[in-house]
């Protein structure tokens, strides 16, 4: 039973920072691509950031480039999303995701989703 559990969300003012964590159980993530998505009220879920199975390359949505950083700690079976210079438009539920295939740089098609953690950024 694979589970992805996000934590670290909260309420911050614009310009502040948060670090989200995604702890995996039921599988070791060292050979899987991992990613973060988000969904704001009234909008579709969108891609935020991903990291390939080796951790050697990352991808970001244009809206978060230069502000967000995705990383992984395979020893802790955890993926992180460091979010700096937060904006009100970053307000959303953030979801962790894992690829189904091993040794891949592509998360899609997503095999497993976390339950989400709320991030609220005030102006």
Protein backbone atom coordinates (compact mmCIF):
# COMPACT_ATOMS: atom_id res chain seq x y z
CA UNK A 1 0.00 0.00 0.00
CA UNK A 2 1.74 3.12 -1.26
CA UNK A 3 1.01 6.35 0.55
CA UNK A 4 2.32 9.86 0.03
CA UNK A 5 1.73 12.24 2.94
CA UNK A 6 2.33 15.97 2.55
CA UNK A 7 3.03 18.33 5.41
CA UNK A 8 4.38 21.82 6.02
CA UNK A 9 1.57 23.89 4.58
CA UNK A 10 0.15 26.87 6.38
CA UNK A 11 -0.72 30.55 6.32
CA UNK A 12 1.97 33.07 5.38
CA UNK A 13 2.20 36.66 4.23
CA UNK A 14 3.33 37.58 0.74
CA UNK A 15 7.11 37.42 0.46
CA UNK A 16 7.37 34.70 3.08
CA UNK A 17 8.63 31.13 2.78
CA UNK A 18 7.43 27.61 3.45
CA UNK A 19 8.93 24.18 3.00
CA UNK A 20 6.63 21.32 2.10
CA UNK A 21 7.52 17.70 2.77
CA UNK A 22 6.22 14.53 1.14
CA UNK A 23 6.89 11.35 3.10
CA UNK A 24 6.42 8.09 1.22
CA UNK A 25 5.55 4.67 2.58
CA UNK A 26 4.92 1.37 0.87
CA UNK A 27 7.72 1.94 -1.63
CA UNK A 28 11.21 3.35 -1.70
CA UNK A 29 11.30 6.41 -3.93
CA UNK A 30 14.94 6.25 -4.97
CA UNK A 31 14.15 4.92 -8.45
CA UNK A 32 11.04 7.00 -9.19
CA UNK A 33 10.42 10.46 -10.53
CA UNK A 34 8.60 12.69 -8.04
CA UNK A 35 6.65 15.91 -8.45
CA UNK A 36 4.50 18.59 -6.88
CA UNK A 37 1.21 19.80 -8.30
CA UNK A 38 -1.24 22.38 -6.97
CA UNK A 39 -4.89 23.22 -7.34
CA UNK A 40 -6.40 26.61 -6.53
CA UNK A 41 -10.12 27.14 -5.94
CA UNK A 42 -12.00 27.18 -9.23
CA UNK A 43 -8.97 26.09 -11.23
CA UNK A 44 -7.63 22.84 -12.61
CA UNK A 45 -4.72 21.04 -11.03
CA UNK A 46 -1.43 22.28 -12.46
CA UNK A 47 2.16 21.14 -12.54
CA UNK A 48 4.58 22.91 -10.20
CA UNK A 49 7.90 21.05 -10.11
CA UNK A 50 9.42 17.62 -10.65
CA UNK A 51 12.68 15.79 -10.04
CA UNK A 52 13.98 12.83 -12.00
CA UNK A 53 14.82 9.51 -10.38
CA UNK A 54 18.52 10.31 -9.98
CA UNK A 55 17.85 13.74 -8.49
CA UNK A 56 20.23 15.19 -11.06
CA UNK A 57 17.70 17.24 -13.00
CA UNK A 58 14.63 19.25 -12.06
CA UNK A 59 11.79 20.92 -13.93
CA UNK A 60 9.63 23.88 -12.93
CA UNK A 61 6.54 25.66 -14.10
CA UNK A 62 7.31 29.13 -15.45
CA UNK A 63 5.24 30.70 -12.69
CA UNK A 64 7.54 29.38 -9.93
CA UNK A 65 10.98 29.41 -11.56
CA UNK A 66 13.52 31.16 -9.39
CA UNK A 67 11.28 30.98 -6.32
CA UNK A 68 10.65 27.28 -5.68
CA UNK A 69 13.14 24.44 -5.33
CA UNK A 70 12.35 20.73 -5.38
CA UNK A 71 14.73 18.24 -3.77
CA UNK A 72 14.76 14.69 -2.50
CA UNK A 73 16.34 12.79 0.36
CA UNK A 74 16.16 9.13 -0.57
CA UNK A 75 17.57 8.02 2.78
CA UNK A 76 14.52 9.58 4.44
CA UNK A 77 12.18 8.55 1.62
CA UNK A 78 11.05 12.17 1.41
CA UNK A 79 10.64 14.87 -1.23
CA UNK A 80 10.68 18.57 -0.42
CA UNK A 81 9.44 21.78 -1.99
CA UNK A 82 11.11 24.94 -0.74
CA UNK A 83 8.91 27.92 -1.56
CA UNK A 84 10.35 31.43 -1.30
CA UNK A 85 8.98 34.85 -2.21
CA UNK A 86 5.46 33.54 -1.98
CA UNK A 87 2.66 35.39 -3.74
CA UNK A 88 -1.11 35.36 -3.16
CA UNK A 89 -1.47 33.57 -6.50
CA UNK A 90 0.46 30.64 -4.97
CA UNK A 91 -2.50 29.93 -2.69
CA UNK A 92 -3.63 26.37 -3.41
CA UNK A 93 -3.72 22.83 -2.17
CA UNK A 94 -0.35 21.28 -2.96
CA UNK A 95 -0.14 17.60 -3.91
CA UNK A 96 2.80 15.24 -4.02
CA UNK A 97 2.94 12.72 -6.87
CA UNK A 98 5.01 9.71 -7.87
CA UNK A 99 5.65 8.09 -11.23
CA UNK A 100 4.60 4.53 -11.92
CA UNK A 101 7.69 3.65 -13.94
CA UNK A 102 11.15 3.35 -12.45
CA UNK A 103 14.30 5.05 -13.73
CA UNK A 104 12.36 7.79 -15.47
CA UNK A 105 12.50 11.56 -15.70
CA UNK A 106 8.76 11.76 -16.34
CA UNK A 107 6.17 11.72 -13.57
CA UNK A 108 3.20 11.40 -15.89
CA UNK A 109 1.27 9.26 -15.91
CA UNK A 110 1.05 9.74 -12.16
CA UNK A 111 0.68 6.49 -10.26
CA UNK A 112 0.15 7.84 -6.73
CA UNK A 113 -1.11 11.10 -5.24
CA UNK A 114 -0.85 12.48 -1.74
CA UNK A 115 -3.84 13.87 0.12
CA UNK A 116 -2.69 17.48 -0.25
CA UNK A 117 -1.62 20.26 2.08
CA UNK A 118 -3.09 23.76 2.09
CA UNK A 119 -0.91 26.79 1.40
CA UNK A 120 -2.50 30.20 1.90
CA UNK A 121 -0.61 33.39 1.07
CA UNK A 122 -2.09 36.70 2.17
CA UNK A 123 -1.40 40.12 0.69
